[in-house]
PDB file of all heavy atoms in Angstrom:
ATOM      1  N   LEU A   1     -10.508  32.658  49.080  1.00  0.00           N
ATOM      2  CA  LEU A   1      -9.200  32.233  48.903  1.00  0.00           C
ATOM      3  C   LEU A   1      -8.390  32.084  50.120  1.00  0.00           C
ATOM      4  O   LEU A   1      -7.638  31.158  50.309  1.00  0.00           O
ATOM      5  CB  LEU A   1      -8.514  33.283  47.883  1.00  0.00           C
ATOM      6  CG  LEU A   1      -9.217  33.376  46.535  1.00  0.00           C
ATOM      7  CD1 LEU A   1      -8.293  34.280  45.634  1.00  0.00           C
ATOM      8  CD2 LEU A   1      -9.336  32.075  45.799  1.00  0.00           C
ATOM      9  N   THR A   2      -8.651  33.065  51.069  1.00  0.00           N
ATOM     10  CA  THR A   2      -7.893  32.910  52.364  1.00  0.00           C
ATOM     11  C   THR A   2      -8.332  31.684  53.085  1.00  0.00           C
ATOM     12  O   THR A   2      -7.508  30.984  53.686  1.00  0.00           O
ATOM     13  CB  THR A   2      -8.067  34.156  53.206  1.00  0.00           C
ATOM     14  OG1 THR A   2      -9.540  34.342  53.413  1.00  0.00           O
ATOM     15  CG2 THR A   2      -7.480  35.415  52.546  1.00  0.00           C
ATOM     16  N   ILE A   3      -9.623  31.367  53.066  1.00  0.00           N
ATOM     17  CA  ILE A   3     -10.044  30.115  53.729  1.00  0.00           C
ATOM     18  C   ILE A   3      -9.621  28.899  53.072  1.00  0.00           C
ATOM     19  O   ILE A   3      -9.243  27.872  53.686  1.00  0.00           O
ATOM     20  CB  ILE A   3     -11.641  30.198  53.921  1.00  0.00           C
ATOM     21  CG1 ILE A   3     -12.038  31.459  54.781  1.00  0.00           C
ATOM     22  CG2 ILE A   3     -12.149  29.003  54.612  1.00  0.00           C
ATOM     23  CD1 ILE A   3     -13.505  31.791  54.774  1.00  0.00           C
ATOM     24  N   MET A   4      -9.621  28.879  51.781  1.00  0.00           N
ATOM     25  CA  MET A   4      -9.101  27.762  50.972  1.00  0.00           C
ATOM     26  C   MET A   4      -7.611  27.555  51.307  1.00  0.00           C
ATOM     27  O   MET A   4      -7.194  26.342  51.506  1.00  0.00           O
ATOM     28  CB  MET A   4      -9.314  27.978  49.489  1.00  0.00           C
ATOM     29  CG  MET A   4     -10.782  27.847  48.966  1.00  0.00           C
ATOM     30  SD  MET A   4     -10.777  28.069  47.225  1.00  0.00           S
ATOM     31  CE  MET A   4     -10.451  26.369  46.544  1.00  0.00           C
ATOM     32  N   ASP A   5      -6.877  28.557  51.327  1.00  0.00           N
ATOM     33  CA  ASP A   5      -5.404  28.375  51.663  1.00  0.00           C
ATOM     34  C   ASP A   5      -5.225  27.883  53.082  1.00  0.00           C
ATOM     35  O   ASP A   5      -4.304  27.063  53.323  1.00  0.00           O
ATOM     36  CB  ASP A   5      -4.693  29.719  51.506  1.00  0.00           C
ATOM     37  CG  ASP A   5      -4.684  30.192  49.996  1.00  0.00           C
ATOM     38  OD1 ASP A   5      -4.815  29.235  49.132  1.00  0.00           O
ATOM     39  OD2 ASP A   5      -4.390  31.364  49.758  1.00  0.00           O
ATOM     40  N   ALA A   6      -6.069  28.366  54.027  1.00  0.00           N
ATOM     41  CA  ALA A   6      -5.924  27.817  55.395  1.00  0.00           C
ATOM     42  C   ALA A   6      -6.251  26.358  55.407  1.00  0.00           C
ATOM     43  O   ALA A   6      -5.649  25.541  56.238  1.00  0.00           O
ATOM     44  CB  ALA A   6      -6.861  28.574  56.300  1.00  0.00           C
ATOM     45  N   CYS A   7      -7.234  25.964  54.604  1.00  0.00           N
ATOM     46  CA  CYS A   7      -7.561  24.449  54.606  1.00  0.00           C
ATOM     47  C   CYS A   7      -6.488  23.702  54.011  1.00  0.00           C
ATOM     48  O   CYS A   7      -6.203  22.549  54.513  1.00  0.00           O
ATOM     49  CB  CYS A   7      -8.865  24.279  53.763  1.00  0.00           C
ATOM     50  SG  CYS A   7     -10.414  24.846  54.702  1.00  0.00           S
ATOM     51  N   CYS A   8      -5.792  24.126  52.973  1.00  0.00           N
ATOM     52  CA  CYS A   8      -4.619  23.483  52.415  1.00  0.00           C
ATOM     53  C   CYS A   8      -3.555  23.384  53.446  1.00  0.00           C
ATOM     54  O   CYS A   8      -2.910  22.274  53.562  1.00  0.00           O
ATOM     55  CB  CYS A   8      -4.140  24.219  51.149  1.00  0.00           C
ATOM     56  SG  CYS A   8      -5.133  23.838  49.691  1.00  0.00           S
ATOM     57  N   ALA A   9      -3.296  24.427  54.149  1.00  0.00           N
ATOM     58  CA  ALA A   9      -2.208  24.427  55.108  1.00  0.00           C
ATOM     59  C   ALA A   9      -2.446  23.500  56.278  1.00  0.00           C
ATOM     60  O   ALA A   9      -1.497  23.014  56.968  1.00  0.00           O
ATOM     61  CB  ALA A   9      -2.028  25.855  55.726  1.00  0.00           C
ATOM     62  N   THR A  10      -3.691  23.189  56.554  1.00  0.00           N
ATOM     63  CA  THR A  10      -4.046  22.310  57.676  1.00  0.00           C
ATOM     64  C   THR A  10      -4.655  20.931  57.317  1.00  0.00           C
ATOM     65  O   THR A  10      -5.114  20.151  58.046  1.00  0.00           O
ATOM     66  CB  THR A  10      -5.110  23.005  58.583  1.00  0.00           C
ATOM     67  OG1 THR A  10      -6.211  23.348  57.791  1.00  0.00           O
ATOM     68  CG2 THR A  10      -4.537  24.264  59.204  1.00  0.00           C
ATOM     69  N   ASN A  11      -4.631  20.750  55.995  1.00  0.00           N
ATOM     70  CA  ASN A  11      -5.125  19.436  55.437  1.00  0.00           C
ATOM     71  C   ASN A  11      -6.670  19.163  55.844  1.00  0.00           C
ATOM     72  O   ASN A  11      -6.953  18.093  56.260  1.00  0.00           O
ATOM     73  CB  ASN A  11      -4.301  18.247  55.782  1.00  0.00           C
ATOM     74  CG  ASN A  11      -2.835  18.433  55.338  1.00  0.00           C
ATOM     75  OD1 ASN A  11      -2.615  18.957  54.321  1.00  0.00           O
ATOM     76  ND2 ASN A  11      -1.941  17.896  56.099  1.00  0.00           N
ATOM     77  N   THR A  12      -7.451  20.240  55.700  1.00  0.00           N
ATOM     78  CA  THR A  12      -8.844  20.142  56.111  1.00  0.00           C
ATOM     79  C   THR A  12      -9.793  20.322  54.994  1.00  0.00           C
ATOM     80  O   THR A  12      -9.646  21.319  54.228  1.00  0.00           O
ATOM     81  CB  THR A  12      -9.104  21.280  57.126  1.00  0.00           C
ATOM     82  OG1 THR A  12      -8.130  21.220  58.235  1.00  0.00           O
ATOM     83  CG2 THR A  12     -10.518  21.128  57.762  1.00  0.00           C
ATOM     84  N   PRO A  13     -10.709  19.393  54.702  1.00  0.00           N
ATOM     85  CA  PRO A  13     -11.608  19.531  53.575  1.00  0.00           C
ATOM     86  C   PRO A  13     -12.431  20.831  53.667  1.00  0.00           C
ATOM     87  O   PRO A  13     -12.767  21.343  54.758  1.00  0.00           O
ATOM     88  CB  PRO A  13     -12.621  18.332  53.788  1.00  0.00           C
ATOM     89  CG  PRO A  13     -11.732  17.374  54.505  1.00  0.00           C
ATOM     90  CD  PRO A  13     -10.921  18.136  55.445  1.00  0.00           C
ATOM     91  N   TYR A  14     -12.748  21.312  52.467  1.00  0.00           N
ATOM     92  CA  TYR A  14     -13.340  22.659  52.370  1.00  0.00           C
ATOM     93  C   TYR A  14     -14.633  22.625  51.464  1.00  0.00           C
ATOM     94  O   TYR A  14     -14.713  21.935  50.541  1.00  0.00           O
ATOM     95  CB  TYR A  14     -12.343  23.589  51.620  1.00  0.00           C
ATOM     96  CG  TYR A  14     -12.835  24.997  51.189  1.00  0.00           C
ATOM     97  CD1 TYR A  14     -12.832  26.099  52.056  1.00  0.00           C
ATOM     98  CD2 TYR A  14     -13.333  25.120  49.850  1.00  0.00           C
ATOM     99  CE1 TYR A  14     -13.380  27.321  51.499  1.00  0.00           C
ATOM    100  CE2 TYR A  14     -13.773  26.301  49.441  1.00  0.00           C
ATOM    101  CZ  TYR A  14     -13.809  27.477  50.269  1.00  0.00           C
ATOM    102  OH  TYR A  14     -14.309  28.643  49.840  1.00  0.00           O
ATOM    103  N   LEU A  15     -15.569  23.541  51.832  1.00  0.00           N
ATOM    104  CA  LEU A  15     -16.841  23.632  51.052  1.00  0.00           C
ATOM    105  C   LEU A  15     -17.259  25.112  51.230  1.00  0.00           C
ATOM    106  O   LEU A  15     -17.185  25.789  52.185  1.00  0.00           O
ATOM    107  CB  LEU A  15     -17.898  22.763  51.699  1.00  0.00           C
ATOM    108  CG  LEU A  15     -19.353  22.824  51.014  1.00  0.00           C
ATOM    109  CD1 LEU A  15     -20.051  21.471  51.112  1.00  0.00           C
ATOM    110  CD2 LEU A  15     -20.230  23.876  51.837  1.00  0.00           C
ATOM    111  N   ASP A  16     -17.745  25.643  49.964  1.00  0.00           N
ATOM    112  CA  ASP A  16     -18.311  27.016  50.033  1.00  0.00           C
ATOM    113  C   ASP A  16     -19.677  26.931  49.238  1.00  0.00           C
ATOM    114  O   ASP A  16     -20.041  25.903  48.636  1.00  0.00           O
ATOM    115  CB  ASP A  16     -17.382  28.045  49.538  1.00  0.00           C
ATOM    116  CG  ASP A  16     -16.995  27.923  48.028  1.00  0.00           C
ATOM    117  OD1 ASP A  16     -17.863  27.502  47.232  1.00  0.00           O
ATOM    118  OD2 ASP A  16     -15.813  28.202  47.704  1.00  0.00           O
ATOM    119  N   THR A  17     -20.295  28.130  49.188  1.00  0.00           N
ATOM    120  CA  THR A  17     -21.612  28.217  48.431  1.00  0.00           C
ATOM    121  C   THR A  17     -21.508  29.230  47.209  1.00  0.00           C
ATOM    122  O   THR A  17     -22.512  29.268  46.528  1.00  0.00           O
ATOM    123  CB  THR A  17     -22.759  28.689  49.377  1.00  0.00           C
ATOM    124  OG1 THR A  17     -22.412  30.009  49.845  1.00  0.00           O
ATOM    125  CG2 THR A  17     -22.812  27.709  50.563  1.00  0.00           C
ATOM    126  N   ALA A  18     -20.402  29.927  47.161  1.00  0.00           N
ATOM    127  CA  ALA A  18     -20.326  30.949  46.041  1.00  0.00           C
ATOM    128  C   ALA A  18     -18.930  31.134  45.586  1.00  0.00           C
ATOM    129  O   ALA A  18     -18.014  30.969  46.406  1.00  0.00           O
ATOM    130  CB  ALA A  18     -20.953  32.282  46.534  1.00  0.00           C
ATOM    131  N   ASN A  19     -18.758  31.431  44.338  1.00  0.00           N
ATOM    132  CA  ASN A  19     -17.318  31.514  43.871  1.00  0.00           C
ATOM    133  C   ASN A  19     -16.695  32.900  44.265  1.00  0.00           C
ATOM    134  O   ASN A  19     -17.302  33.818  44.718  1.00  0.00           O
ATOM    135  CB  ASN A  19     -17.161  31.323  42.377  1.00  0.00           C
ATOM    136  CG  ASN A  19     -17.884  32.433  41.512  1.00  0.00           C
ATOM    137  OD1 ASN A  19     -18.403  33.474  41.911  1.00  0.00           O
ATOM    138  ND2 ASN A  19     -17.678  32.278  40.221  1.00  0.00           N
ATOM    139  N   TYR A  20     -15.362  32.876  44.183  1.00  0.00           N
ATOM    140  CA  TYR A  20     -14.578  33.983  44.645  1.00  0.00           C
ATOM    141  C   TYR A  20     -14.985  35.307  43.880  1.00  0.00           C
ATOM    142  O   TYR A  20     -15.134  35.246  42.624  1.00  0.00           O
ATOM    143  CB  TYR A  20     -13.065  33.728  44.431  1.00  0.00           C
ATOM    144  CG  TYR A  20     -12.218  34.906  44.783  1.00  0.00           C
ATOM    145  CD1 TYR A  20     -12.060  35.391  46.106  1.00  0.00           C
ATOM    146  CD2 TYR A  20     -11.560  35.664  43.817  1.00  0.00           C
ATOM    147  CE1 TYR A  20     -11.350  36.509  46.408  1.00  0.00           C
ATOM    148  CE2 TYR A  20     -10.803  36.768  44.110  1.00  0.00           C
ATOM    149  CZ  TYR A  20     -10.647  37.177  45.394  1.00  0.00           C
ATOM    150  OH  TYR A  20      -9.942  38.292  45.714  1.00  0.00           O
ATOM    151  N   GLU A  21     -15.046  36.336  44.620  1.00  0.00           N
ATOM    152  CA  GLU A  21     -15.240  37.665  44.005  1.00  0.00           C
ATOM    153  C   GLU A  21     -14.214  38.538  44.513  1.00  0.00           C
ATOM    154  O   GLU A  21     -13.841  38.667  45.735  1.00  0.00           O
ATOM    155  CB  GLU A  21     -16.631  38.221  44.391  1.00  0.00           C
ATOM    156  CG  GLU A  21     -17.795  37.509  43.781  1.00  0.00           C
ATOM    157  CD  GLU A  21     -19.128  38.203  44.013  1.00  0.00           C
ATOM    158  OE1 GLU A  21     -19.085  39.414  44.322  1.00  0.00           O
ATOM    159  OE2 GLU A  21     -20.076  37.486  44.073  1.00  0.00           O
ATOM    160  N   HIS A  22     -13.560  39.383  43.589  1.00  0.00           N
ATOM    161  CA  HIS A  22     -12.585  40.431  44.003  1.00  0.00           C
ATOM    162  C   HIS A  22     -13.322  41.499  44.640  1.00  0.00           C
ATOM    163  O   HIS A  22     -14.271  42.031  44.101  1.00  0.00           O
ATOM    164  CB  HIS A  22     -11.749  40.898  42.845  1.00  0.00           C
ATOM    165  CG  HIS A  22     -10.475  41.599  43.246  1.00  0.00           C
ATOM    166  ND1 HIS A  22     -10.482  42.838  43.700  1.00  0.00           N
ATOM    167  CD2 HIS A  22      -9.280  41.187  43.242  1.00  0.00           C
ATOM    168  CE1 HIS A  22      -9.317  43.242  43.953  1.00  0.00           C
ATOM    169  NE2 HIS A  22      -8.475  42.182  43.638  1.00  0.00           N
ATOM    170  N   PRO A  23     -12.843  42.016  45.856  1.00  0.00           N
ATOM    171  CA  PRO A  23     -13.584  43.099  46.515  1.00  0.00           C
ATOM    172  C   PRO A  23     -13.622  44.410  45.729  1.00  0.00           C
ATOM    173  O   PRO A  23     -14.425  45.173  45.913  1.00  0.00           O
ATOM    174  CB  PRO A  23     -12.777  43.297  47.832  1.00  0.00           C
ATOM    175  CG  PRO A  23     -11.504  42.547  47.649  1.00  0.00           C
ATOM    176  CD  PRO A  23     -11.732  41.508  46.598  1.00  0.00           C
ATOM    177  N   ASP A  24     -12.633  44.580  44.789  1.00  0.00           N
ATOM    178  CA  ASP A  24     -12.496  45.872  44.103  1.00  0.00           C
ATOM    179  C   ASP A  24     -13.011  45.794  42.664  1.00  0.00           C
ATOM    180  O   ASP A  24     -12.740  46.694  41.889  1.00  0.00           O
ATOM    181  CB  ASP A  24     -11.104  46.371  44.255  1.00  0.00           C
ATOM    182  CG  ASP A  24     -10.527  46.570  45.544  1.00  0.00           C
ATOM    183  OD1 ASP A  24     -11.443  47.041  46.440  1.00  0.00           O
ATOM    184  OD2 ASP A  24      -9.496  46.226  45.884  1.00  0.00           O
ATOM    185  N   GLU A  25     -13.519  44.608  42.275  1.00  0.00           N
ATOM    186  CA  GLU A  25     -13.911  44.422  40.904  1.00  0.00           C
ATOM    187  C   GLU A  25     -15.128  43.551  40.794  1.00  0.00           C
ATOM    188  O   GLU A  25     -15.245  42.504  41.433  1.00  0.00           O
ATOM    189  CB  GLU A  25     -12.772  43.782  40.135  1.00  0.00           C
ATOM    190  CG  GLU A  25     -12.932  43.735  38.697  1.00  0.00           C
ATOM    191  CD  GLU A  25     -11.715  43.143  37.931  1.00  0.00           C
ATOM    192  OE1 GLU A  25     -10.794  42.672  38.632  1.00  0.00           O
ATOM    193  OE2 GLU A  25     -11.707  43.075  36.712  1.00  0.00           O
ATOM    194  N   ALA A  26     -16.140  43.977  40.042  1.00  0.00           N
ATOM    195  CA  ALA A  26     -17.402  43.212  39.924  1.00  0.00           C
ATOM    196  C   ALA A  26     -17.099  42.136  38.925  1.00  0.00           C
ATOM    197  O   ALA A  26     -17.554  42.111  37.725  1.00  0.00           O
ATOM    198  CB  ALA A  26     -18.496  44.130  39.340  1.00  0.00           C
ATOM    199  N   LYS A  27     -16.455  41.003  39.408  1.00  0.00           N
ATOM    200  CA  LYS A  27     -16.088  39.931  38.587  1.00  0.00           C
ATOM    201  C   LYS A  27     -16.251  38.611  39.306  1.00  0.00           C
ATOM    202  O   LYS A  27     -15.850  38.490  40.454  1.00  0.00           O
ATOM    203  CB  LYS A  27     -14.592  40.075  38.096  1.00  0.00           C
ATOM    204  CG  LYS A  27     -14.171  39.206  36.957  1.00  0.00           C
ATOM    205  CD  LYS A  27     -12.809  39.565  36.506  1.00  0.00           C
ATOM    206  CE  LYS A  27     -12.423  38.810  35.296  1.00  0.00           C
ATOM    207  NZ  LYS A  27     -11.031  39.184  34.800  1.00  0.00           N
ATOM    208  N   PHE A  28     -17.024  37.697  38.674  1.00  0.00           N
ATOM    209  CA  PHE A  28     -17.382  36.493  39.347  1.00  0.00           C
ATOM    210  C   PHE A  28     -16.794  35.361  38.500  1.00  0.00           C
ATOM    211  O   PHE A  28     -17.297  35.131  37.412  1.00  0.00           O
ATOM    212  CB  PHE A  28     -18.891  36.264  39.471  1.00  0.00           C
ATOM    213  CG  PHE A  28     -19.574  37.644  39.707  1.00  0.00           C
ATOM    214  CD1 PHE A  28     -20.264  38.308  38.729  1.00  0.00           C
ATOM    215  CD2 PHE A  28     -19.630  38.176  40.968  1.00  0.00           C
ATOM    216  CE1 PHE A  28     -20.900  39.468  38.887  1.00  0.00           C
ATOM    217  CE2 PHE A  28     -20.255  39.372  41.220  1.00  0.00           C
ATOM    218  CZ  PHE A  28     -20.834  40.052  40.157  1.00  0.00           C
ATOM    219  N   GLU A  29     -15.780  34.655  39.019  1.00  0.00           N
ATOM    220  CA  GLU A  29     -15.191  33.515  38.196  1.00  0.00           C
ATOM    221  C   GLU A  29     -14.491  32.562  39.158  1.00  0.00           C
ATOM    222  O   GLU A  29     -14.067  32.893  40.217  1.00  0.00           O
ATOM    223  CB  GLU A  29     -14.285  34.020  37.144  1.00  0.00           C
ATOM    224  CG  GLU A  29     -12.979  34.799  37.667  1.00  0.00           C
ATOM    225  CD  GLU A  29     -12.058  35.350  36.612  1.00  0.00           C
ATOM    226  OE1 GLU A  29     -12.368  35.036  35.443  1.00  0.00           O
ATOM    227  OE2 GLU A  29     -11.076  35.869  37.025  1.00  0.00           O
ATOM    228  N   TYR A  30     -14.478  31.287  38.625  1.00  0.00           N
ATOM    229  CA  TYR A  30     -13.842  30.274  39.371  1.00  0.00           C
ATOM    230  C   TYR A  30     -12.279  30.113  39.191  1.00  0.00           C
ATOM    231  O   TYR A  30     -11.607  29.350  39.833  1.00  0.00           O
ATOM    232  CB  TYR A  30     -14.399  28.873  39.008  1.00  0.00           C
ATOM    233  CG  TYR A  30     -15.800  28.620  39.589  1.00  0.00           C
ATOM    234  CD1 TYR A  30     -16.945  28.514  38.875  1.00  0.00           C
ATOM    235  CD2 TYR A  30     -15.959  28.442  41.049  1.00  0.00           C
ATOM    236  CE1 TYR A  30     -18.144  28.374  39.385  1.00  0.00           C
ATOM    237  CE2 TYR A  30     -17.129  28.221  41.543  1.00  0.00           C
ATOM    238  CZ  TYR A  30     -18.201  28.223  40.746  1.00  0.00           C
ATOM    239  OH  TYR A  30     -19.519  27.894  41.288  1.00  0.00           O
ATOM    240  N   LYS A  31     -11.757  30.887  38.290  1.00  0.00           N
ATOM    241  CA  LYS A  31     -10.329  30.786  37.892  1.00  0.00           C
ATOM    242  C   LYS A  31      -9.349  30.585  39.029  1.00  0.00           C
ATOM    243  O   LYS A  31      -8.600  29.688  39.105  1.00  0.00           O
ATOM    244  CB  LYS A  31      -9.932  32.001  37.006  1.00  0.00           C
ATOM    245  CG  LYS A  31      -8.491  32.113  36.554  1.00  0.00           C
ATOM    246  CD  LYS A  31      -8.205  33.272  35.781  1.00  0.00           C
ATOM    247  CE  LYS A  31      -6.838  33.347  35.355  1.00  0.00           C
ATOM    248  NZ  LYS A  31      -6.553  34.674  34.706  1.00  0.00           N
ATOM    249  N   LEU A  32      -9.439  31.522  40.054  1.00  0.00           N
ATOM    250  CA  LEU A  32      -8.428  31.469  41.074  1.00  0.00           C
ATOM    251  C   LEU A  32      -8.617  30.298  42.028  1.00  0.00           C
ATOM    252  O   LEU A  32      -7.777  29.743  42.682  1.00  0.00           O
ATOM    253  CB  LEU A  32      -8.468  32.813  41.871  1.00  0.00           C
ATOM    254  CG  LEU A  32      -7.968  34.006  41.058  1.00  0.00           C
ATOM    255  CD1 LEU A  32      -8.123  35.363  41.884  1.00  0.00           C
ATOM    256  CD2 LEU A  32      -6.504  33.802  40.641  1.00  0.00           C
ATOM    257  N   GLN A  33      -9.936  29.816  42.123  1.00  0.00           N
ATOM    258  CA  GLN A  33     -10.201  28.675  42.938  1.00  0.00           C
ATOM    259  C   GLN A  33      -9.801  27.373  42.200  1.00  0.00           C
ATOM    260  O   GLN A  33      -9.256  26.583  42.822  1.00  0.00           O
ATOM    261  CB  GLN A  33     -11.754  28.596  43.292  1.00  0.00           C
ATOM    262  CG  GLN A  33     -12.149  29.778  44.280  1.00  0.00           C
ATOM    263  CD  GLN A  33     -13.548  29.675  44.595  1.00  0.00           C
ATOM    264  OE1 GLN A  33     -14.441  30.167  43.899  1.00  0.00           O
ATOM    265  NE2 GLN A  33     -13.847  29.114  45.802  1.00  0.00           N
ATOM    266  N   TRP A  34     -10.057  27.372  40.864  1.00  0.00           N
ATOM    267  CA  TRP A  34      -9.641  26.077  40.159  1.00  0.00           C
ATOM    268  C   TRP A  34      -8.149  26.033  40.128  1.00  0.00           C
ATOM    269  O   TRP A  34      -7.560  24.879  40.105  1.00  0.00           O
ATOM    270  CB  TRP A  34     -10.123  26.272  38.733  1.00  0.00           C
ATOM    271  CG  TRP A  34     -11.620  25.920  38.542  1.00  0.00           C
ATOM    272  CD1 TRP A  34     -12.399  25.316  39.464  1.00  0.00           C
ATOM    273  CD2 TRP A  34     -12.452  26.229  37.439  1.00  0.00           C
ATOM    274  NE1 TRP A  34     -13.756  25.191  38.993  1.00  0.00           N
ATOM    275  CE2 TRP A  34     -13.766  25.813  37.753  1.00  0.00           C
ATOM    276  CE3 TRP A  34     -12.276  26.999  36.219  1.00  0.00           C
ATOM    277  CZ2 TRP A  34     -14.812  25.988  36.932  1.00  0.00           C
ATOM    278  CZ3 TRP A  34     -13.299  27.051  35.392  1.00  0.00           C
ATOM    279  CH2 TRP A  34     -14.593  26.632  35.709  1.00  0.00           C
ATOM    280  N   GLN A  35      -7.393  27.155  40.206  1.00  0.00           N
ATOM    281  CA  GLN A  35      -5.921  27.146  40.204  1.00  0.00           C
ATOM    282  C   GLN A  35      -5.422  26.450  41.494  1.00  0.00           C
ATOM    283  O   GLN A  35      -4.303  25.992  41.497  1.00  0.00           O
ATOM    284  CB  GLN A  35      -5.354  28.559  40.067  1.00  0.00           C
ATOM    285  CG  GLN A  35      -5.460  29.185  38.671  1.00  0.00           C
ATOM    286  CD  GLN A  35      -5.003  30.608  38.711  1.00  0.00           C
ATOM    287  OE1 GLN A  35      -4.595  31.221  39.676  1.00  0.00           O
ATOM    288  NE2 GLN A  35      -5.018  31.164  37.445  1.00  0.00           N
ATOM    289  N   ARG A  36      -6.257  26.319  42.560  1.00  0.00           N
ATOM    290  CA  ARG A  36      -5.751  25.695  43.767  1.00  0.00           C
ATOM    291  C   ARG A  36      -6.011  24.204  43.736  1.00  0.00           C
ATOM    292  O   ARG A  36      -5.728  23.507  44.726  1.00  0.00           O
ATOM    293  CB  ARG A  36      -6.480  26.293  44.943  1.00  0.00           C
ATOM    294  CG  ARG A  36      -5.847  27.668  45.252  1.00  0.00           C
ATOM    295  CD  ARG A  36      -6.745  28.594  46.142  1.00  0.00           C
ATOM    296  NE  ARG A  36      -6.066  29.679  46.682  1.00  0.00           N
ATOM    297  CZ  ARG A  36      -5.653  30.797  46.032  1.00  0.00           C
ATOM    298  NH1 ARG A  36      -5.918  30.870  44.723  1.00  0.00           N
ATOM    299  NH2 ARG A  36      -5.044  31.727  46.660  1.00  0.00           N
ATOM    300  N   ASP A  37      -6.456  23.612  42.626  1.00  0.00           N
ATOM    301  CA  ASP A  37      -6.765  22.209  42.505  1.00  0.00           C
ATOM    302  C   ASP A  37      -5.396  21.409  42.906  1.00  0.00           C
ATOM    303  O   ASP A  37      -5.573  20.432  43.635  1.00  0.00           O
ATOM    304  CB  ASP A  37      -7.167  21.889  41.068  1.00  0.00           C
ATOM    305  CG  ASP A  37      -7.422  20.415  40.900  1.00  0.00           C
ATOM    306  OD1 ASP A  37      -8.341  19.919  41.603  1.00  0.00           O
ATOM    307  OD2 ASP A  37      -6.818  19.758  40.024  1.00  0.00           O
ATOM    308  N   GLU A  38      -4.312  21.759  42.357  1.00  0.00           N
ATOM    309  CA  GLU A  38      -3.046  20.999  42.609  1.00  0.00           C
ATOM    310  C   GLU A  38      -2.758  21.053  44.076  1.00  0.00           C
ATOM    311  O   GLU A  38      -2.226  20.001  44.705  1.00  0.00           O
ATOM    312  CB  GLU A  38      -1.918  21.538  41.770  1.00  0.00           C
ATOM    313  CG  GLU A  38      -0.790  20.542  41.510  1.00  0.00           C
ATOM    314  CD  GLU A  38      -1.236  19.230  40.963  1.00  0.00           C
ATOM    315  OE1 GLU A  38      -2.039  19.267  40.004  1.00  0.00           O
ATOM    316  OE2 GLU A  38      -0.710  18.209  41.442  1.00  0.00           O
ATOM    317  N   LYS A  39      -2.880  22.278  44.696  1.00  0.00           N
ATOM    318  CA  LYS A  39      -2.591  22.335  46.148  1.00  0.00           C
ATOM    319  C   LYS A  39      -3.470  21.443  47.002  1.00  0.00           C
ATOM    320  O   LYS A  39      -3.000  20.827  47.976  1.00  0.00           O
ATOM    321  CB  LYS A  39      -2.782  23.810  46.585  1.00  0.00           C
ATOM    322  CG  LYS A  39      -1.730  24.797  46.190  1.00  0.00           C
ATOM    323  CD  LYS A  39      -1.845  26.159  46.821  1.00  0.00           C
ATOM    324  CE  LYS A  39      -0.729  27.065  46.397  1.00  0.00           C
ATOM    325  NZ  LYS A  39      -1.002  28.470  46.983  1.00  0.00           N
ATOM    326  N   PHE A  40      -4.717  21.401  46.657  1.00  0.00           N
ATOM    327  CA  PHE A  40      -5.722  20.517  47.331  1.00  0.00           C
ATOM    328  C   PHE A  40      -5.313  19.004  47.122  1.00  0.00           C
ATOM    329  O   PHE A  40      -5.361  18.223  48.034  1.00  0.00           O
ATOM    330  CB  PHE A  40      -7.125  20.719  46.905  1.00  0.00           C
ATOM    331  CG  PHE A  40      -7.762  21.842  47.664  1.00  0.00           C
ATOM    332  CD1 PHE A  40      -7.544  23.116  47.508  1.00  0.00           C
ATOM    333  CD2 PHE A  40      -8.880  21.534  48.584  1.00  0.00           C
ATOM    334  CE1 PHE A  40      -8.122  24.154  48.239  1.00  0.00           C
ATOM    335  CE2 PHE A  40      -9.421  22.452  49.286  1.00  0.00           C
ATOM    336  CZ  PHE A  40      -9.100  23.850  49.144  1.00  0.00           C
ATOM    337  N   LYS A  41      -4.863  18.676  45.882  1.00  0.00           N
ATOM    338  CA  LYS A  41      -4.337  17.230  45.653  1.00  0.00           C
ATOM    339  C   LYS A  41      -3.188  16.976  46.511  1.00  0.00           C
ATOM    340  O   LYS A  41      -3.157  15.893  47.139  1.00  0.00           O
ATOM    341  CB  LYS A  41      -4.074  17.178  44.195  1.00  0.00           C
ATOM    342  CG  LYS A  41      -5.346  16.992  43.381  1.00  0.00           C
ATOM    343  CD  LYS A  41      -4.979  16.878  41.798  1.00  0.00           C
ATOM    344  CE  LYS A  41      -6.270  16.728  41.017  1.00  0.00           C
ATOM    345  NZ  LYS A  41      -5.968  16.895  39.557  1.00  0.00           N
ATOM    346  N   GLU A  42      -2.200  17.899  46.576  1.00  0.00           N
ATOM    347  CA  GLU A  42      -1.026  17.741  47.409  1.00  0.00           C
ATOM    348  C   GLU A  42      -1.347  17.533  48.864  1.00  0.00           C
ATOM    349  O   GLU A  42      -0.750  16.863  49.576  1.00  0.00           O
ATOM    350  CB  GLU A  42      -0.048  18.851  47.247  1.00  0.00           C
ATOM    351  CG  GLU A  42       0.632  18.937  45.752  1.00  0.00           C
ATOM    352  CD  GLU A  42       1.351  20.211  45.520  1.00  0.00           C
ATOM    353  OE1 GLU A  42       1.430  21.030  46.480  1.00  0.00           O
ATOM    354  OE2 GLU A  42       1.813  20.419  44.397  1.00  0.00           O
TER     355      GLU A  42
END
C-alpha cells in the first residue's frame, strides 16, 4: 500500500507479485488494493 500510494503521488505505473497482507493479522485480500483503483485512474 505504501508503494502503491507513492506511485499514485508520482504518476508512476506499478506492479507487484502478491496481494497486501496486514503485518498484524494473517489475512490475505485484494480489498485495500482494489480500493485504490480510482486513485490510479485519476
